[in-house]
Amino acid sequence: MKADTTVDAVGLLCPMPIVKLSKGVKAMESGQVLELLADDAGADSDVPAWCKKTGNEFISSEEGDGCKKYYIRKS
């Protein structure tokens, strides 16, 4: 999937991937897509929960090279 911006949170533990995700989304325009790279196991539940709480769209996740890629569309 093509993203407008990428946030690298590889090597960071909870809650830092969500902190970086939040900052990244705030800097974007509505409708743009952010790609979050993370290897913290908690991100699997934290990212969709954060999207639901903030009203942003959790598009998908997929395995990457040594990390997982999460795609979020800013509402």
Foldseek 3Di string as FASTA:
>chain_A
DDFPEEDEPEPPEPPVLVVSVVVVLVPDDAFGKYKYWYAYPVCVPVVVVVCVVVVWDWDDWDDDDNTIITMIGHD
